[in-house]
Amino acid sequence: RFLLLDPEHATIPTLLGMVRSFVFRHGIRGLVIDPWNRLDHTRAPGVMLTEHVRDHLGMLSAFAKRKDIHICLMAHPKKTESDAASKPPTAYDISDSAHFFNMADNILVVHRDKGDDNAPVQILTQKIRRQRVGMLGTALLRFDRLTGRYYDR
């Protein structure tokens, strides 16, 4: 079961306030925020963007631990020179802050070579904080545009 909410211009604190009630009322065990850049990131005067990102990622992490839920945050990389070379991005390529790499427990990157529709999609595991959860590596999958599914053959 999924509960969808589309809070327009939500901040992380307001979003977590809504999710808190869903945890209590519906017993949700996970939250997907997709994408990060659609949230309201208005900062107080004098607060640098990297500090803002660090504080809000910290809020998400603390909330997940307190409520015993999994939070999956989708964040897109900034446009880089590597786009032309079709090199997979890393979490350091996410615009605004290196904290996306530093504070994450797990990082998965889905990368498609935009210059070659027949090339497999790469699913790269770039960070695993607790080794019992998984391991670093790459899986190559095909994407079927008609069905919207990935497959491994």
N, C-alpha and C. Protein backbone atom coordinates (compact mmCIF):
# COMPACT_ATOMS: atom_id res chain seq x y z
N ARG A 1 0.83 -1.19 0.00
CA ARG A 1 0.00 0.00 0.00
C ARG A 1 0.87 1.24 0.00
N PHE A 2 0.40 2.23 -0.69
CA PHE A 2 1.11 3.49 -0.77
C PHE A 2 0.17 4.62 -0.42
N LEU A 3 0.68 5.58 0.28
CA LEU A 3 -0.03 6.83 0.52
C LEU A 3 0.76 7.90 -0.22
N LEU A 4 0.09 8.67 -1.05
CA LEU A 4 0.77 9.69 -1.82
C LEU A 4 0.41 11.05 -1.27
N LEU A 5 1.41 11.89 -1.13
CA LEU A 5 1.12 13.28 -0.83
C LEU A 5 1.96 14.13 -1.73
N ASP A 6 1.40 15.21 -2.12
CA ASP A 6 2.07 16.12 -3.05
C ASP A 6 2.02 17.52 -2.45
N PRO A 7 2.74 17.70 -1.35
CA PRO A 7 2.69 19.02 -0.71
C PRO A 7 3.47 20.05 -1.53
N GLU A 8 2.74 21.00 -2.05
CA GLU A 8 3.39 22.00 -2.87
C GLU A 8 4.23 22.92 -2.01
N HIS A 9 5.46 23.11 -2.39
CA HIS A 9 6.39 24.02 -1.71
C HIS A 9 6.60 23.66 -0.24
N ALA A 10 6.63 22.38 0.09
CA ALA A 10 6.86 21.95 1.47
C ALA A 10 8.32 22.11 1.84
N THR A 11 8.55 22.42 3.09
CA THR A 11 9.90 22.39 3.63
C THR A 11 10.09 21.02 4.27
N ILE A 12 11.30 20.67 4.59
CA ILE A 12 11.54 19.40 5.28
C ILE A 12 10.79 19.35 6.60
N PRO A 13 10.83 20.41 7.45
CA PRO A 13 10.07 20.33 8.71
C PRO A 13 8.56 20.15 8.50
N THR A 14 7.96 20.83 7.52
CA THR A 14 6.52 20.66 7.32
C THR A 14 6.22 19.27 6.75
N LEU A 15 7.07 18.79 5.87
CA LEU A 15 6.88 17.45 5.32
C LEU A 15 6.96 16.40 6.43
N LEU A 16 7.95 16.52 7.30
CA LEU A 16 8.08 15.56 8.40
C LEU A 16 6.90 15.64 9.37
N GLY A 17 6.33 16.82 9.53
CA GLY A 17 5.12 16.94 10.35
C GLY A 17 3.97 16.14 9.77
N MET A 18 3.81 16.19 8.45
CA MET A 18 2.76 15.40 7.79
C MET A 18 3.05 13.91 7.91
N VAL A 19 4.29 13.54 7.68
CA VAL A 19 4.66 12.13 7.71
C VAL A 19 4.51 11.56 9.12
N ARG A 20 4.80 12.37 10.14
CA ARG A 20 4.65 11.93 11.53
C ARG A 20 3.23 11.42 11.77
N SER A 21 2.24 12.13 11.25
CA SER A 21 0.85 11.68 11.44
C SER A 21 0.57 10.40 10.65
N PHE A 22 1.20 10.24 9.48
CA PHE A 22 1.01 9.00 8.72
C PHE A 22 1.64 7.81 9.42
N VAL A 23 2.76 8.03 10.08
CA VAL A 23 3.39 6.95 10.85
C VAL A 23 2.44 6.51 11.96
N PHE A 24 1.85 7.47 12.64
CA PHE A 24 0.94 7.17 13.75
C PHE A 24 -0.38 6.57 13.27
N ARG A 25 -1.01 7.21 12.29
CA ARG A 25 -2.34 6.77 11.83
C ARG A 25 -2.33 5.53 10.95
N HIS A 26 -1.35 5.45 10.06
CA HIS A 26 -1.37 4.39 9.05
C HIS A 26 -0.23 3.38 9.21
N GLY A 27 0.68 3.63 10.12
CA GLY A 27 1.78 2.71 10.35
C GLY A 27 2.76 2.61 9.20
N ILE A 28 2.95 3.72 8.48
CA ILE A 28 3.88 3.65 7.34
C ILE A 28 5.28 3.32 7.84
N ARG A 29 6.04 2.64 7.00
CA ARG A 29 7.39 2.20 7.36
C ARG A 29 8.45 2.81 6.44
N GLY A 30 8.01 3.57 5.44
CA GLY A 30 8.96 4.14 4.51
C GLY A 30 8.46 5.45 3.93
N LEU A 31 9.39 6.25 3.48
CA LEU A 31 9.09 7.54 2.87
C LEU A 31 10.02 7.72 1.68
N VAL A 32 9.46 8.07 0.54
CA VAL A 32 10.26 8.39 -0.65
C VAL A 32 10.04 9.86 -0.94
N ILE A 33 11.12 10.60 -0.96
CA ILE A 33 11.07 12.03 -1.31
C ILE A 33 11.67 12.14 -2.70
N ASP A 34 10.84 12.52 -3.66
CA ASP A 34 11.27 12.55 -5.05
C ASP A 34 10.69 13.76 -5.76
N PRO A 35 11.53 14.67 -6.18
CA PRO A 35 12.95 14.83 -5.92
C PRO A 35 13.20 15.90 -4.85
N TRP A 36 14.39 15.92 -4.35
CA TRP A 36 14.84 16.88 -3.34
C TRP A 36 14.65 18.32 -3.81
N ASN A 37 14.96 18.59 -5.06
CA ASN A 37 14.93 19.99 -5.53
C ASN A 37 13.53 20.56 -5.67
N ARG A 38 12.48 19.75 -5.50
CA ARG A 38 11.11 20.28 -5.54
C ARG A 38 10.65 20.82 -4.19
N LEU A 39 11.42 20.54 -3.15
CA LEU A 39 11.07 21.04 -1.83
C LEU A 39 11.46 22.52 -1.72
N ASP A 40 10.85 23.20 -0.78
CA ASP A 40 11.17 24.61 -0.53
C ASP A 40 12.45 24.66 0.29
N HIS A 41 13.47 25.28 -0.25
CA HIS A 41 14.76 25.38 0.44
C HIS A 41 15.10 26.83 0.78
N THR A 42 14.08 27.60 1.13
CA THR A 42 14.31 28.97 1.56
C THR A 42 15.11 28.93 2.86
N ARG A 43 16.18 29.73 2.90
CA ARG A 43 17.07 29.72 4.06
C ARG A 43 16.95 31.03 4.82
N ALA A 44 17.24 30.93 6.11
CA ALA A 44 17.32 32.14 6.93
C ALA A 44 18.51 32.97 6.46
N PRO A 45 18.44 34.27 6.64
CA PRO A 45 19.57 35.12 6.23
C PRO A 45 20.87 34.66 6.92
N GLY A 46 21.94 34.61 6.14
CA GLY A 46 23.23 34.24 6.69
C GLY A 46 23.51 32.74 6.72
N VAL A 47 22.51 31.91 6.39
CA VAL A 47 22.71 30.46 6.38
C VAL A 47 23.17 30.05 4.99
N MET A 48 24.35 29.45 4.93
CA MET A 48 24.88 29.01 3.64
C MET A 48 24.11 27.77 3.17
N LEU A 49 24.08 27.58 1.87
CA LEU A 49 23.34 26.46 1.30
C LEU A 49 23.85 25.12 1.82
N THR A 50 25.15 24.95 1.92
CA THR A 50 25.69 23.69 2.40
C THR A 50 25.29 23.42 3.86
N GLU A 51 25.19 24.47 4.68
CA GLU A 51 24.71 24.31 6.06
C GLU A 51 23.25 23.90 6.07
N HIS A 52 22.46 24.52 5.21
CA HIS A 52 21.04 24.20 5.09
C HIS A 52 20.86 22.72 4.72
N VAL A 53 21.61 22.26 3.72
CA VAL A 53 21.52 20.87 3.29
C VAL A 53 21.91 19.95 4.44
N ARG A 54 23.03 20.24 5.10
CA ARG A 54 23.49 19.42 6.23
C ARG A 54 22.42 19.33 7.32
N ASP A 55 21.85 20.45 7.69
CA ASP A 55 20.85 20.46 8.76
C ASP A 55 19.60 19.68 8.37
N HIS A 56 19.16 19.82 7.14
CA HIS A 56 17.95 19.13 6.72
C HIS A 56 18.17 17.64 6.50
N LEU A 57 19.33 17.27 6.00
CA LEU A 57 19.64 15.84 5.91
C LEU A 57 19.73 15.24 7.31
N GLY A 58 20.26 15.99 8.25
CA GLY A 58 20.31 15.55 9.64
C GLY A 58 18.92 15.36 10.22
N MET A 59 17.99 16.26 9.89
CA MET A 59 16.60 16.13 10.34
C MET A 59 15.99 14.84 9.81
N LEU A 60 16.22 14.56 8.53
CA LEU A 60 15.67 13.35 7.93
C LEU A 60 16.23 12.10 8.61
N SER A 61 17.52 12.10 8.85
CA SER A 61 18.17 10.95 9.49
C SER A 61 17.65 10.73 10.91
N ALA A 62 17.56 11.79 11.67
CA ALA A 62 17.06 11.69 13.05
C ALA A 62 15.61 11.22 13.08
N PHE A 63 14.79 11.74 12.17
CA PHE A 63 13.39 11.35 12.08
C PHE A 63 13.27 9.86 11.77
N ALA A 64 14.06 9.40 10.81
CA ALA A 64 14.02 7.99 10.42
C ALA A 64 14.37 7.09 11.61
N LYS A 65 15.36 7.47 12.36
CA LYS A 65 15.76 6.68 13.53
C LYS A 65 14.69 6.70 14.62
N ARG A 66 14.15 7.89 14.90
CA ARG A 66 13.12 8.01 15.94
C ARG A 66 11.86 7.23 15.61
N LYS A 67 11.44 7.29 14.35
CA LYS A 67 10.18 6.68 13.93
C LYS A 67 10.37 5.27 13.37
N ASP A 68 11.62 4.81 13.29
CA ASP A 68 11.94 3.49 12.77
C ASP A 68 11.36 3.28 11.37
N ILE A 69 11.64 4.25 10.49
CA ILE A 69 11.20 4.13 9.09
C ILE A 69 12.42 4.30 8.18
N HIS A 70 12.25 3.87 6.95
CA HIS A 70 13.28 4.03 5.93
C HIS A 70 12.95 5.27 5.11
N ILE A 71 13.92 6.11 4.88
CA ILE A 71 13.71 7.28 4.03
C ILE A 71 14.63 7.15 2.82
N CYS A 72 14.02 7.24 1.65
CA CYS A 72 14.74 7.20 0.38
C CYS A 72 14.62 8.58 -0.25
N LEU A 73 15.74 9.22 -0.42
CA LEU A 73 15.76 10.57 -0.96
C LEU A 73 16.32 10.55 -2.38
N MET A 74 15.54 11.04 -3.32
CA MET A 74 15.98 11.14 -4.71
C MET A 74 16.56 12.53 -4.93
N ALA A 75 17.79 12.58 -5.39
CA ALA A 75 18.44 13.85 -5.68
C ALA A 75 19.16 13.70 -7.01
N HIS A 76 18.97 14.67 -7.87
CA HIS A 76 19.53 14.60 -9.21
C HIS A 76 20.84 15.37 -9.28
N PRO A 77 21.79 14.88 -10.09
CA PRO A 77 23.07 15.58 -10.19
C PRO A 77 22.93 16.86 -11.00
N LYS A 78 23.85 17.77 -10.74
CA LYS A 78 23.93 18.97 -11.57
C LYS A 78 24.47 18.57 -12.93
N LYS A 79 24.24 19.37 -13.92
CA LYS A 79 24.79 19.11 -15.25
C LYS A 79 26.29 19.31 -15.20
N THR A 80 27.02 18.32 -15.69
CA THR A 80 28.48 18.40 -15.63
C THR A 80 29.07 18.08 -16.99
N GLU A 81 30.37 18.25 -17.06
CA GLU A 81 31.12 17.87 -18.26
C GLU A 81 30.97 16.38 -18.53
N SER A 82 30.78 15.59 -17.45
CA SER A 82 30.70 14.14 -17.62
C SER A 82 29.43 13.72 -18.36
N ASP A 83 28.45 14.63 -18.45
CA ASP A 83 27.24 14.29 -19.23
C ASP A 83 27.62 13.98 -20.67
N ALA A 84 28.53 14.77 -21.20
CA ALA A 84 28.95 14.57 -22.59
C ALA A 84 29.70 13.26 -22.75
N ALA A 85 30.51 12.92 -21.76
CA ALA A 85 31.30 11.69 -21.83
C ALA A 85 30.50 10.49 -21.35
N SER A 86 29.29 10.70 -20.90
CA SER A 86 28.42 9.65 -20.40
C SER A 86 29.05 8.88 -19.24
N LYS A 87 29.72 9.60 -18.39
CA LYS A 87 30.33 9.01 -17.20
C LYS A 87 29.30 9.06 -16.07
N PRO A 88 29.10 7.98 -15.32
CA PRO A 88 28.12 8.00 -14.24
C PRO A 88 28.46 9.05 -13.19
N PRO A 89 27.46 9.76 -12.71
CA PRO A 89 27.70 10.74 -11.66
C PRO A 89 27.92 10.04 -10.31
N THR A 90 28.42 10.80 -9.35
CA THR A 90 28.51 10.33 -7.97
C THR A 90 27.65 11.25 -7.13
N ALA A 91 27.50 10.93 -5.86
CA ALA A 91 26.73 11.79 -4.96
C ALA A 91 27.40 13.16 -4.81
N TYR A 92 28.70 13.24 -5.06
CA TYR A 92 29.37 14.54 -5.02
C TYR A 92 28.93 15.44 -6.17
N ASP A 93 28.29 14.86 -7.18
CA ASP A 93 27.79 15.64 -8.32
C ASP A 93 26.41 16.23 -8.08
N ILE A 94 25.80 15.91 -6.95
CA ILE A 94 24.50 16.50 -6.63
C ILE A 94 24.74 17.95 -6.28
N SER A 95 23.97 18.83 -6.90
CA SER A 95 24.21 20.24 -6.65
C SER A 95 23.88 20.59 -5.21
N ASP A 96 24.52 21.58 -4.71
CA ASP A 96 24.31 22.21 -3.40
C ASP A 96 25.28 21.77 -2.32
N SER A 97 25.68 20.50 -2.25
CA SER A 97 26.53 20.14 -1.12
C SER A 97 27.11 18.74 -1.23
N ALA A 98 28.33 18.58 -0.72
CA ALA A 98 28.95 17.26 -0.60
C ALA A 98 28.31 16.46 0.53
N HIS A 99 27.47 17.10 1.34
CA HIS A 99 26.81 16.39 2.44
C HIS A 99 25.92 15.25 1.93
N PHE A 100 25.47 15.32 0.69
CA PHE A 100 24.66 14.22 0.16
C PHE A 100 25.46 12.92 0.21
N PHE A 101 26.75 12.99 -0.10
CA PHE A 101 27.58 11.79 0.01
C PHE A 101 27.94 11.52 1.46
N ASN A 102 28.38 12.53 2.16
CA ASN A 102 28.92 12.34 3.50
C ASN A 102 27.89 11.83 4.50
N MET A 103 26.65 12.24 4.38
CA MET A 103 25.64 11.91 5.39
C MET A 103 24.76 10.72 5.04
N ALA A 104 24.81 10.28 3.80
CA ALA A 104 23.96 9.16 3.38
C ALA A 104 24.47 7.84 3.93
N ASP A 105 23.55 6.94 4.22
CA ASP A 105 23.92 5.58 4.63
C ASP A 105 24.20 4.72 3.40
N ASN A 106 23.36 4.86 2.39
CA ASN A 106 23.48 4.07 1.16
C ASN A 106 23.29 5.01 -0.03
N ILE A 107 24.05 4.76 -1.07
CA ILE A 107 23.89 5.57 -2.28
C ILE A 107 23.81 4.64 -3.49
N LEU A 108 22.70 4.74 -4.20
CA LEU A 108 22.51 4.03 -5.46
C LEU A 108 22.40 5.07 -6.56
N VAL A 109 23.05 4.82 -7.66
CA VAL A 109 22.99 5.72 -8.81
C VAL A 109 22.41 4.93 -9.98
N VAL A 110 21.40 5.49 -10.62
CA VAL A 110 20.85 4.90 -11.83
C VAL A 110 21.36 5.77 -12.98
N HIS A 111 22.14 5.15 -13.87
CA HIS A 111 22.77 5.91 -14.95
C HIS A 111 22.48 5.27 -16.30
N ARG A 112 22.05 6.13 -17.23
CA ARG A 112 21.76 5.69 -18.59
C ARG A 112 22.59 6.53 -19.55
N ASP A 113 23.23 5.88 -20.47
CA ASP A 113 24.00 6.57 -21.51
C ASP A 113 23.00 7.20 -22.47
N LYS A 114 22.85 8.51 -22.41
CA LYS A 114 21.86 9.18 -23.24
C LYS A 114 22.22 9.19 -24.72
N GLY A 115 23.48 8.89 -25.01
CA GLY A 115 23.91 8.86 -26.40
C GLY A 115 23.70 7.52 -27.08
N ASP A 116 23.33 6.49 -26.29
CA ASP A 116 23.19 5.15 -26.85
C ASP A 116 21.96 4.48 -26.23
N ASP A 117 20.86 4.47 -26.97
CA ASP A 117 19.61 3.88 -26.46
C ASP A 117 19.71 2.38 -26.23
N ASN A 118 20.69 1.72 -26.86
CA ASN A 118 20.84 0.28 -26.69
C ASN A 118 21.76 -0.11 -25.55
N ALA A 119 22.45 0.87 -25.00
CA ALA A 119 23.37 0.59 -23.88
C ALA A 119 22.57 0.20 -22.64
N PRO A 120 23.10 -0.72 -21.84
CA PRO A 120 22.39 -1.09 -20.62
C PRO A 120 22.40 0.06 -19.61
N VAL A 121 21.41 0.06 -18.76
CA VAL A 121 21.35 1.01 -17.66
C VAL A 121 22.23 0.47 -16.54
N GLN A 122 23.02 1.35 -15.96
CA GLN A 122 23.90 0.94 -14.85
C GLN A 122 23.24 1.31 -13.52
N ILE A 123 23.15 0.35 -12.63
CA ILE A 123 22.72 0.59 -11.26
C ILE A 123 23.98 0.43 -10.42
N LEU A 124 24.51 1.54 -9.94
CA LEU A 124 25.77 1.52 -9.21
C LEU A 124 25.53 1.71 -7.72
N THR A 125 26.04 0.81 -6.92
CA THR A 125 26.02 0.98 -5.48
C THR A 125 27.32 1.68 -5.13
N GLN A 126 27.23 2.95 -4.74
CA GLN A 126 28.44 3.74 -4.51
C GLN A 126 28.79 3.90 -3.04
N LYS A 127 27.84 3.60 -2.15
CA LYS A 127 28.14 3.70 -0.71
C LYS A 127 27.22 2.77 0.05
N ILE A 128 27.79 2.02 0.96
CA ILE A 128 27.04 1.18 1.90
C ILE A 128 27.71 1.39 3.27
N ARG A 129 27.00 2.05 4.16
CA ARG A 129 27.59 2.34 5.47
C ARG A 129 27.73 1.07 6.31
N ARG A 130 26.70 0.24 6.32
CA ARG A 130 26.73 -1.01 7.10
C ARG A 130 26.83 -2.17 6.13
N GLN A 131 27.94 -2.85 6.14
CA GLN A 131 28.24 -3.88 5.14
C GLN A 131 27.24 -5.03 5.14
N ARG A 132 26.53 -5.26 6.23
CA ARG A 132 25.56 -6.36 6.25
C ARG A 132 24.35 -6.07 5.36
N VAL A 133 24.19 -4.83 4.95
CA VAL A 133 23.06 -4.43 4.12
C VAL A 133 23.29 -4.70 2.65
N GLY A 134 24.54 -4.69 2.23
CA GLY A 134 24.84 -4.89 0.82
C GLY A 134 26.31 -4.67 0.55
N MET A 135 26.65 -4.55 -0.73
CA MET A 135 28.05 -4.33 -1.08
C MET A 135 28.14 -3.41 -2.29
N LEU A 136 29.31 -2.83 -2.46
CA LEU A 136 29.54 -1.94 -3.59
C LEU A 136 29.58 -2.76 -4.87
N GLY A 137 29.12 -2.15 -5.95
CA GLY A 137 29.16 -2.86 -7.22
C GLY A 137 28.24 -2.23 -8.24
N THR A 138 28.16 -2.88 -9.39
CA THR A 138 27.34 -2.38 -10.49
C THR A 138 26.52 -3.52 -11.07
N ALA A 139 25.26 -3.24 -11.35
CA ALA A 139 24.40 -4.18 -12.07
C ALA A 139 24.04 -3.52 -13.40
N LEU A 140 24.04 -4.30 -14.46
CA LEU A 140 23.66 -3.80 -15.78
C LEU A 140 22.29 -4.36 -16.12
N LEU A 141 21.36 -3.48 -16.43
CA LEU A 141 19.99 -3.87 -16.74
C LEU A 141 19.56 -3.22 -18.05
N ARG A 142 18.59 -3.81 -18.68
CA ARG A 142 17.96 -3.23 -19.86
C ARG A 142 16.67 -2.56 -19.41
N PHE A 143 16.31 -1.47 -20.07
CA PHE A 143 15.07 -0.77 -19.74
C PHE A 143 14.11 -0.89 -20.91
N ASP A 144 12.92 -1.38 -20.63
CA ASP A 144 11.88 -1.51 -21.65
C ASP A 144 10.99 -0.28 -21.57
N ARG A 145 11.08 0.59 -22.55
CA ARG A 145 10.31 1.84 -22.54
C ARG A 145 8.80 1.59 -22.60
N LEU A 146 8.38 0.52 -23.24
CA LEU A 146 6.95 0.23 -23.36
C LEU A 146 6.32 -0.12 -22.03
N THR A 147 7.01 -0.94 -21.24
CA THR A 147 6.45 -1.38 -19.97
C THR A 147 6.95 -0.56 -18.78
N GLY A 148 8.05 0.20 -18.98
CA GLY A 148 8.63 0.97 -17.88
C GLY A 148 9.36 0.10 -16.88
N ARG A 149 9.80 -1.09 -17.32
CA ARG A 149 10.46 -2.04 -16.41
C ARG A 149 11.91 -2.27 -16.82
N TYR A 150 12.68 -2.63 -15.82
CA TYR A 150 14.07 -3.03 -16.03
C TYR A 150 14.13 -4.55 -16.04
N TYR A 151 15.02 -5.10 -16.83
CA TYR A 151 15.22 -6.55 -16.82
C TYR A 151 16.70 -6.85 -17.04
N ASP A 152 17.11 -8.07 -16.68
CA ASP A 152 18.54 -8.39 -16.71
C ASP A 152 18.94 -9.29 -17.86
N ARG A 153 18.14 -9.44 -18.87
CA ARG A 153 18.53 -10.28 -20.00
C ARG A 153 18.48 -9.52 -21.29
